[in-house]
Each structure stands twice: as structure tokens, then as C-alpha cells.
Amino acid sequence: GGAGFLGSHLCERFLKEGYYVIAMDNLITGNIKNIEH
């Protein structure tokens, strides 16, 4: 759910903490624009 509302914020937080992040989403409610950056 990494392209969703909460998922995208979590991606940012764990990148900031120095993790390698893999986001997975089928985009039925998520939006690729949330993680494009």
C-alpha cells in the first residue's frame, strides 16, 4: 500500500531513517503521484 496516503508518508519516513524502501501497490486506491518524487 506504499502509494497510498499513509503508505507514501511511511516511505518518506523510512528513507529519511536510512532504510532501503520497496513500495508495493496495485493502485486501486493508491496514487503513483504520491511517490513519484
All heavy atoms as atom14 arrays in JSON, in Angstrom:
{
  "sequence": "GGAGFLGSHLCERFLKEGYYVIAMDNLITGNIKNIEH",
  "atom14_mask": [
    [1, 1, 1, 1, 0, 0, 0, 0, 0, 0, 0, 0, 0, 0],
    [1, 1, 1, 1, 0, 0, 0, 0, 0, 0, 0, 0, 0, 0],
    [1, 1, 1, 1, 1, 0, 0, 0, 0, 0, 0, 0, 0, 0],
    [1, 1, 1, 1, 0, 0, 0, 0, 0, 0, 0, 0, 0, 0],
    [1, 1, 1, 1, 1, 1, 1, 1, 1, 1, 1, 0, 0, 0],
    [1, 1, 1, 1, 1, 1, 1, 1, 0, 0, 0, 0, 0, 0],
    [1, 1, 1, 1, 0, 0, 0, 0, 0, 0, 0, 0, 0, 0],
    [1, 1, 1, 1, 1, 1, 0, 0, 0, 0, 0, 0, 0, 0],
    [1, 1, 1, 1, 1, 1, 1, 1, 1, 1, 0, 0, 0, 0],
    [1, 1, 1, 1, 1, 1, 1, 1, 0, 0, 0, 0, 0, 0],
    [1, 1, 1, 1, 1, 1, 0, 0, 0, 0, 0, 0, 0, 0],
    [1, 1, 1, 1, 1, 1, 1, 1, 1, 0, 0, 0, 0, 0],
    [1, 1, 1, 1, 1, 1, 1, 1, 1, 1, 1, 0, 0, 0],
    [1, 1, 1, 1, 1, 1, 1, 1, 1, 1, 1, 0, 0, 0],
    [1, 1, 1, 1, 1, 1, 1, 1, 0, 0, 0, 0, 0, 0],
    [1, 1, 1, 1, 1, 1, 1, 1, 1, 0, 0, 0, 0, 0],
    [1, 1, 1, 1, 1, 1, 1, 1, 1, 0, 0, 0, 0, 0],
    [1, 1, 1, 1, 0, 0, 0, 0, 0, 0, 0, 0, 0, 0],
    [1, 1, 1, 1, 1, 1, 1, 1, 1, 1, 1, 1, 0, 0],
    [1, 1, 1, 1, 1, 1, 1, 1, 1, 1, 1, 1, 0, 0],
    [1, 1, 1, 1, 1, 1, 1, 0, 0, 0, 0, 0, 0, 0],
    [1, 1, 1, 1, 1, 1, 1, 1, 0, 0, 0, 0, 0, 0],
    [1, 1, 1, 1, 1, 0, 0, 0, 0, 0, 0, 0, 0, 0],
    [1, 1, 1, 1, 1, 1, 1, 1, 0, 0, 0, 0, 0, 0],
    [1, 1, 1, 1, 1, 1, 1, 1, 0, 0, 0, 0, 0, 0],
    [1, 1, 1, 1, 1, 1, 1, 1, 0, 0, 0, 0, 0, 0],
    [1, 1, 1, 1, 1, 1, 1, 1, 0, 0, 0, 0, 0, 0],
    [1, 1, 1, 1, 1, 1, 1, 1, 0, 0, 0, 0, 0, 0],
    [1, 1, 1, 1, 1, 1, 1, 0, 0, 0, 0, 0, 0, 0],
    [1, 1, 1, 1, 0, 0, 0, 0, 0, 0, 0, 0, 0, 0],
    [1, 1, 1, 1, 1, 1, 1, 1, 0, 0, 0, 0, 0, 0],
    [1, 1, 1, 1, 1, 1, 1, 1, 0, 0, 0, 0, 0, 0],
    [1, 1, 1, 1, 1, 1, 1, 1, 1, 0, 0, 0, 0, 0],
    [1, 1, 1, 1, 1, 1, 1, 1, 0, 0, 0, 0, 0, 0],
    [1, 1, 1, 1, 1, 1, 1, 1, 0, 0, 0, 0, 0, 0],
    [1, 1, 1, 1, 1, 1, 1, 1, 1, 0, 0, 0, 0, 0],
    [1, 1, 1, 1, 1, 1, 1, 1, 1, 1, 0, 0, 0, 0]
  ],
  "atom14_positions": [
    [[0.83, -1.2, 0.0], [0.0, 0.0, 0.0], [0.87, 1.25, 0.0], [0.46, 2.33, 0.44], [0.0, 0.0, 0.0], [0.0, 0.0, 0.0], [0.0, 0.0, 0.0], [0.0, 0.0, 0.0], [0.0, 0.0, 0.0], [0.0, 0.0, 0.0], [0.0, 0.0, 0.0], [0.0, 0.0, 0.0], [0.0, 0.0, 0.0], [0.0, 0.0, 0.0]],
    [[2.09, 1.12, -0.54], [3.08, 2.18, -0.45], [2.75, 3.44, -1.23], [3.36, 4.48, -0.98], [0.0, 0.0, 0.0], [0.0, 0.0, 0.0], [0.0, 0.0, 0.0], [0.0, 0.0, 0.0], [0.0, 0.0, 0.0], [0.0, 0.0, 0.0], [0.0, 0.0, 0.0], [0.0, 0.0, 0.0], [0.0, 0.0, 0.0], [0.0, 0.0, 0.0]],
    [[1.81, 3.37, -2.19], [1.42, 4.57, -2.94], [0.17, 5.21, -2.37], [-0.37, 6.15, -2.93], [1.21, 4.22, -4.42], [0.0, 0.0, 0.0], [0.0, 0.0, 0.0], [0.0, 0.0, 0.0], [0.0, 0.0, 0.0], [0.0, 0.0, 0.0], [0.0, 0.0, 0.0], [0.0, 0.0, 0.0], [0.0, 0.0, 0.0], [0.0, 0.0, 0.0]],
    [[-0.31, 4.68, -1.24], [-1.48, 5.26, -0.6], [-1.14, 6.44, 0.28], [0.02, 6.86, 0.39], [0.0, 0.0, 0.0], [0.0, 0.0, 0.0], [0.0, 0.0, 0.0], [0.0, 0.0, 0.0], [0.0, 0.0, 0.0], [0.0, 0.0, 0.0], [0.0, 0.0, 0.0], [0.0, 0.0, 0.0], [0.0, 0.0, 0.0], [0.0, 0.0, 0.0]],
    [[-2.14, 6.99, 0.93], [-1.98, 8.14, 1.81], [-0.96, 7.83, 2.92], [0.1, 8.46, 3.0], [-3.35, 8.53, 2.38], [-3.32, 9.36, 3.62], [-2.6, 10.55, 3.67], [-4.03, 8.98, 4.75], [-2.58, 11.32, 4.83], [-4.01, 9.75, 5.9], [-3.29, 10.91, 5.95], [0.0, 0.0, 0.0], [0.0, 0.0, 0.0], [0.0, 0.0, 0.0]],
    [[-1.25, 6.83, 3.75], [-0.32, 6.5, 4.83], [0.96, 5.88, 4.3], [2.06, 6.2, 4.76], [-0.97, 5.54, 5.83], [-2.09, 6.11, 6.69], [-2.62, 5.03, 7.63], [-1.61, 7.31, 7.49], [0.0, 0.0, 0.0], [0.0, 0.0, 0.0], [0.0, 0.0, 0.0], [0.0, 0.0, 0.0], [0.0, 0.0, 0.0], [0.0, 0.0, 0.0]],
    [[0.82, 4.98, 3.32], [1.98, 4.28, 2.78], [3.05, 5.21, 2.25], [4.25, 5.02, 2.48], [0.0, 0.0, 0.0], [0.0, 0.0, 0.0], [0.0, 0.0, 0.0], [0.0, 0.0, 0.0], [0.0, 0.0, 0.0], [0.0, 0.0, 0.0], [0.0, 0.0, 0.0], [0.0, 0.0, 0.0], [0.0, 0.0, 0.0], [0.0, 0.0, 0.0]],
    [[2.63, 6.26, 1.56], [3.61, 7.2, 0.97], [4.35, 7.98, 2.05], [5.55, 8.24, 1.95], [2.92, 8.14, -0.02], [1.94, 8.94, 0.63], [0.0, 0.0, 0.0], [0.0, 0.0, 0.0], [0.0, 0.0, 0.0], [0.0, 0.0, 0.0], [0.0, 0.0, 0.0], [0.0, 0.0, 0.0], [0.0, 0.0, 0.0], [0.0, 0.0, 0.0]],
    [[3.63, 8.36, 3.11], [4.3, 9.03, 4.23], [5.27, 8.1, 4.94], [6.35, 8.53, 5.38], [3.25, 9.56, 5.22], [2.53, 10.79, 4.75], [3.06, 12.05, 4.88], [1.34, 10.94, 4.14], [2.21, 12.94, 4.37], [1.16, 12.29, 3.92], [0.0, 0.0, 0.0], [0.0, 0.0, 0.0], [0.0, 0.0, 0.0], [0.0, 0.0, 0.0]],
    [[4.91, 6.81, 5.01], [5.82, 5.83, 5.62], [7.07, 5.63, 4.76], [8.18, 5.5, 5.29], [5.09, 4.51, 5.84], [4.08, 4.51, 6.99], [3.16, 3.3, 6.9], [4.8, 4.53, 8.34], [0.0, 0.0, 0.0], [0.0, 0.0, 0.0], [0.0, 0.0, 0.0], [0.0, 0.0, 0.0], [0.0, 0.0, 0.0], [0.0, 0.0, 0.0]],
    [[6.89, 5.61, 3.44], [8.05, 5.5, 2.54], [9.04, 6.64, 2.82], [10.24, 6.41, 2.96], [7.61, 5.56, 1.07], [6.77, 4.07, 0.49], [0.0, 0.0, 0.0], [0.0, 0.0, 0.0], [0.0, 0.0, 0.0], [0.0, 0.0, 0.0], [0.0, 0.0, 0.0], [0.0, 0.0, 0.0], [0.0, 0.0, 0.0], [0.0, 0.0, 0.0]],
    [[8.52, 7.85, 2.92], [9.38, 9.01, 3.18], [10.1, 8.9, 4.52], [11.3, 9.18, 4.63], [8.54, 10.3, 3.17], [8.06, 10.7, 1.8], [7.2, 11.95, 1.83], [6.59, 12.24, 2.89], [7.11, 12.6, 0.79], [0.0, 0.0, 0.0], [0.0, 0.0, 0.0], [0.0, 0.0, 0.0], [0.0, 0.0, 0.0], [0.0, 0.0, 0.0]],
    [[9.36, 8.47, 5.54], [9.96, 8.39, 6.89], [11.09, 7.36, 6.93], [12.16, 7.63, 7.49], [8.88, 8.03, 7.91], [9.41, 7.79, 9.33], [10.08, 9.04, 9.9], [10.75, 8.77, 11.18], [10.19, 8.93, 12.38], [8.94, 9.36, 12.48], [10.87, 8.66, 13.47], [0.0, 0.0, 0.0], [0.0, 0.0, 0.0], [0.0, 0.0, 0.0]],
    [[10.86, 6.18, 6.34], [11.89, 5.14, 6.42], [13.09, 5.46, 5.51], [14.23, 5.1, 5.85], [11.29, 3.77, 6.15], [10.59, 3.22, 7.37], [9.25, 3.49, 7.62], [11.3, 2.49, 8.3], [8.63, 3.03, 8.76], [10.69, 2.02, 9.45], [9.35, 2.29, 9.69], [0.0, 0.0, 0.0], [0.0, 0.0, 0.0], [0.0, 0.0, 0.0]],
    [[12.88, 6.16, 4.42], [14.01, 6.65, 3.63], [14.84, 7.64, 4.46], [16.07, 7.59, 4.48], [13.52, 7.32, 2.34], [13.01, 6.37, 1.25], [12.27, 7.14, 0.17], [14.16, 5.56, 0.63], [0.0, 0.0, 0.0], [0.0, 0.0, 0.0], [0.0, 0.0, 0.0], [0.0, 0.0, 0.0], [0.0, 0.0, 0.0], [0.0, 0.0, 0.0]],
    [[14.13, 8.53, 5.15], [14.81, 9.53, 5.99], [15.63, 8.85, 7.1], [16.69, 9.35, 7.51], [13.74, 10.44, 6.61], [14.27, 11.62, 7.39], [13.12, 12.45, 7.91], [13.59, 13.41, 8.99], [12.47, 14.03, 9.71], [0.0, 0.0, 0.0], [0.0, 0.0, 0.0], [0.0, 0.0, 0.0], [0.0, 0.0, 0.0], [0.0, 0.0, 0.0]],
    [[15.13, 7.7, 7.58], [15.82, 6.97, 8.64], [16.95, 6.08, 8.11], [17.6, 5.35, 8.86], [14.83, 6.11, 9.43], [13.74, 6.89, 10.15], [14.25, 7.68, 11.35], [15.4, 7.42, 11.78], [13.51, 8.55, 11.83], [0.0, 0.0, 0.0], [0.0, 0.0, 0.0], [0.0, 0.0, 0.0], [0.0, 0.0, 0.0], [0.0, 0.0, 0.0]],
    [[17.16, 6.11, 6.76], [18.29, 5.39, 6.19], [17.99, 3.98, 5.71], [18.92, 3.19, 5.51], [0.0, 0.0, 0.0], [0.0, 0.0, 0.0], [0.0, 0.0, 0.0], [0.0, 0.0, 0.0], [0.0, 0.0, 0.0], [0.0, 0.0, 0.0], [0.0, 0.0, 0.0], [0.0, 0.0, 0.0], [0.0, 0.0, 0.0], [0.0, 0.0, 0.0]],
    [[16.73, 3.65, 5.52], [16.35, 2.32, 5.04], [16.32, 2.27, 3.52], [16.16, 3.3, 2.86], [14.95, 1.94, 5.55], [14.87, 1.64, 7.03], [15.01, 2.65, 7.98], [14.65, 0.34, 7.48], [14.94, 2.38, 9.34], [14.57, 0.06, 8.84], [14.72, 1.08, 9.76], [14.64, 0.81, 11.1], [0.0, 0.0, 0.0], [0.0, 0.0, 0.0]],
    [[16.45, 1.06, 2.97], [16.16, 0.81, 1.55], [14.69, 0.43, 1.5], [14.27, -0.56, 2.12], [17.03, -0.32, 1.01], [16.88, -0.54, -0.48], [17.8, 0.0, -1.38], [15.81, -1.27, -0.99], [17.66, -0.18, -2.74], [15.66, -1.45, -2.35], [16.58, -0.91, -3.22], [16.42, -1.09, -4.58], [0.0, 0.0, 0.0], [0.0, 0.0, 0.0]],
    [[13.89, 1.21, 0.77], [12.44, 1.06, 0.8], [11.9, 0.46, -0.5], [12.23, 0.94, -1.59], [11.75, 2.42, 1.07], [10.23, 2.3, 0.95], [12.14, 2.94, 2.46], [0.0, 0.0, 0.0], [0.0, 0.0, 0.0], [0.0, 0.0, 0.0], [0.0, 0.0, 0.0], [0.0, 0.0, 0.0], [0.0, 0.0, 0.0], [0.0, 0.0, 0.0]],
    [[11.1, -0.58, -0.36], [10.38, -1.17, -1.51], [8.9, -0.91, -1.28], [8.31, -1.4, -0.3], [10.64, -2.68, -1.61], [12.13, -2.95, -1.76], [9.85, -3.29, -2.76], [12.54, -4.37, -1.36], [0.0, 0.0, 0.0], [0.0, 0.0, 0.0], [0.0, 0.0, 0.0], [0.0, 0.0, 0.0], [0.0, 0.0, 0.0], [0.0, 0.0, 0.0]],
    [[8.3, -0.12, -2.15], [6.86, 0.16, -2.07], [6.13, -0.78, -3.03], [6.55, -0.98, -4.16], [6.58, 1.61, -2.45], [0.0, 0.0, 0.0], [0.0, 0.0, 0.0], [0.0, 0.0, 0.0], [0.0, 0.0, 0.0], [0.0, 0.0, 0.0], [0.0, 0.0, 0.0], [0.0, 0.0, 0.0], [0.0, 0.0, 0.0], [0.0, 0.0, 0.0]],
    [[5.03, -1.35, -2.56], [4.22, -2.25, -3.39], [2.78, -1.77, -3.36], [2.25, -1.46, -2.29], [4.33, -3.68, -2.84], [3.69, -4.73, -3.72], [4.0, -6.41, -3.06], [5.7, -6.68, -3.56], [0.0, 0.0, 0.0], [0.0, 0.0, 0.0], [0.0, 0.0, 0.0], [0.0, 0.0, 0.0], [0.0, 0.0, 0.0], [0.0, 0.0, 0.0]],
    [[2.15, -1.67, -4.53], [0.77, -1.17, -4.59], [0.17, -1.58, -5.93], [0.87, -1.59, -6.95], [0.77, 0.37, -4.47], [-0.53, 0.91, -3.89], [-1.6, 0.65, -4.48], [-0.46, 1.6, -2.85], [0.0, 0.0, 0.0], [0.0, 0.0, 0.0], [0.0, 0.0, 0.0], [0.0, 0.0, 0.0], [0.0, 0.0, 0.0], [0.0, 0.0, 0.0]],
    [[-1.13, -1.92, -5.93], [-1.8, -2.2, -7.2], [-2.61, -0.99, -7.68], [-3.27, -1.05, -8.72], [-2.69, -3.45, -7.1], [-3.87, -3.26, -6.17], [-3.95, -2.26, -5.44], [-4.8, -4.2, -6.18], [0.0, 0.0, 0.0], [0.0, 0.0, 0.0], [0.0, 0.0, 0.0], [0.0, 0.0, 0.0], [0.0, 0.0, 0.0], [0.0, 0.0, 0.0]],
    [[-2.56, 0.1, -6.92], [-3.14, 1.4, -7.3], [-4.66, 1.39, -7.42], [-5.22, 2.26, -8.08], [-2.5, 1.92, -8.6], [-0.98, 2.06, -8.58], [-0.46, 2.58, -9.92], [-0.52, 2.98, -7.45], [0.0, 0.0, 0.0], [0.0, 0.0, 0.0], [0.0, 0.0, 0.0], [0.0, 0.0, 0.0], [0.0, 0.0, 0.0], [0.0, 0.0, 0.0]],
    [[-5.36, 0.44, -6.77], [-6.83, 0.53, -6.85], [-7.35, 1.68, -5.99], [-8.38, 2.26, -6.31], [-7.57, -0.8, -6.53], [-7.32, -1.28, -5.1], [-7.27, -1.88, -7.54], [-8.26, -2.4, -4.68], [0.0, 0.0, 0.0], [0.0, 0.0, 0.0], [0.0, 0.0, 0.0], [0.0, 0.0, 0.0], [0.0, 0.0, 0.0], [0.0, 0.0, 0.0]],
    [[-6.63, 2.03, -4.94], [-6.96, 3.25, -4.2], [-5.74, 4.14, -4.02], [-5.88, 5.32, -3.7], [-7.59, 2.95, -2.82], [-6.65, 2.21, -2.03], [-8.87, 2.17, -2.95], [0.0, 0.0, 0.0], [0.0, 0.0, 0.0], [0.0, 0.0, 0.0], [0.0, 0.0, 0.0], [0.0, 0.0, 0.0], [0.0, 0.0, 0.0], [0.0, 0.0, 0.0]],
    [[-4.55, 3.6, -4.21], [-3.32, 4.4, -4.13], [-3.13, 5.23, -5.4], [-3.86, 5.06, -6.38], [0.0, 0.0, 0.0], [0.0, 0.0, 0.0], [0.0, 0.0, 0.0], [0.0, 0.0, 0.0], [0.0, 0.0, 0.0], [0.0, 0.0, 0.0], [0.0, 0.0, 0.0], [0.0, 0.0, 0.0], [0.0, 0.0, 0.0], [0.0, 0.0, 0.0]],
    [[-2.15, 6.12, -5.36], [-1.9, 7.01, -6.49], [-0.39, 7.13, -6.68], [0.33, 7.53, -5.76], [-2.51, 8.39, -6.23], [-2.49, 9.28, -7.45], [-1.59, 9.18, -8.3], [-3.46, 10.17, -7.54], [0.0, 0.0, 0.0], [0.0, 0.0, 0.0], [0.0, 0.0, 0.0], [0.0, 0.0, 0.0], [0.0, 0.0, 0.0], [0.0, 0.0, 0.0]],
    [[0.08, 6.81, -7.87], [1.52, 6.83, -8.14], [2.11, 8.22, -7.92], [3.29, 8.38, -7.59], [1.81, 6.32, -9.58], [3.25, 5.82, -9.7], [1.49, 7.36, -10.62], [3.54, 4.55, -9.0], [0.0, 0.0, 0.0], [0.0, 0.0, 0.0], [0.0, 0.0, 0.0], [0.0, 0.0, 0.0], [0.0, 0.0, 0.0], [0.0, 0.0, 0.0]],
    [[1.28, 9.27, -8.04], [1.76, 10.64, -7.81], [2.26, 10.83, -6.38], [3.09, 11.7, -6.12], [0.65, 11.66, -8.1], [0.34, 11.8, -9.58], [-0.75, 12.82, -9.8], [-1.04, 12.97, -11.3], [-2.23, 13.8, -11.54], [0.0, 0.0, 0.0], [0.0, 0.0, 0.0], [0.0, 0.0, 0.0], [0.0, 0.0, 0.0], [0.0, 0.0, 0.0]],
    [[1.74, 10.02, -5.45], [2.16, 10.14, -4.05], [3.62, 9.77, -3.83], [4.22, 10.18, -2.82], [1.28, 9.26, -3.15], [-0.14, 9.79, -3.02], [-0.39, 10.97, -3.22], [-1.07, 8.91, -2.68], [0.0, 0.0, 0.0], [0.0, 0.0, 0.0], [0.0, 0.0, 0.0], [0.0, 0.0, 0.0], [0.0, 0.0, 0.0], [0.0, 0.0, 0.0]],
    [[4.18, 8.96, -4.75], [5.57, 8.51, -4.57], [6.47, 8.86, -5.76], [7.63, 8.48, -5.79], [5.65, 6.99, -4.28], [4.89, 6.19, -5.35], [5.12, 6.68, -2.89], [5.07, 4.69, -5.24], [0.0, 0.0, 0.0], [0.0, 0.0, 0.0], [0.0, 0.0, 0.0], [0.0, 0.0, 0.0], [0.0, 0.0, 0.0], [0.0, 0.0, 0.0]],
    [[5.92, 9.59, -6.72], [6.7, 9.95, -7.91], [8.01, 10.66, -7.55], [9.04, 10.44, -8.18], [5.87, 10.87, -8.82], [5.26, 10.14, -9.99], [4.39, 11.05, -10.85], [4.15, 12.22, -10.48], [3.95, 10.57, -11.89], [0.0, 0.0, 0.0], [0.0, 0.0, 0.0], [0.0, 0.0, 0.0], [0.0, 0.0, 0.0], [0.0, 0.0, 0.0]],
    [[7.95, 11.49, -6.52], [9.13, 12.26, -6.12], [10.24, 11.39, -5.52], [11.35, 11.88, -5.29], [8.73, 13.36, -5.14], [8.17, 12.85, -3.84], [6.97, 12.17, -3.78], [8.64, 12.9, -2.57], [6.71, 11.84, -2.52], [7.72, 12.26, -1.76], [0.0, 0.0, 0.0], [0.0, 0.0, 0.0], [0.0, 0.0, 0.0], [0.0, 0.0, 0.0]]
  ]
}
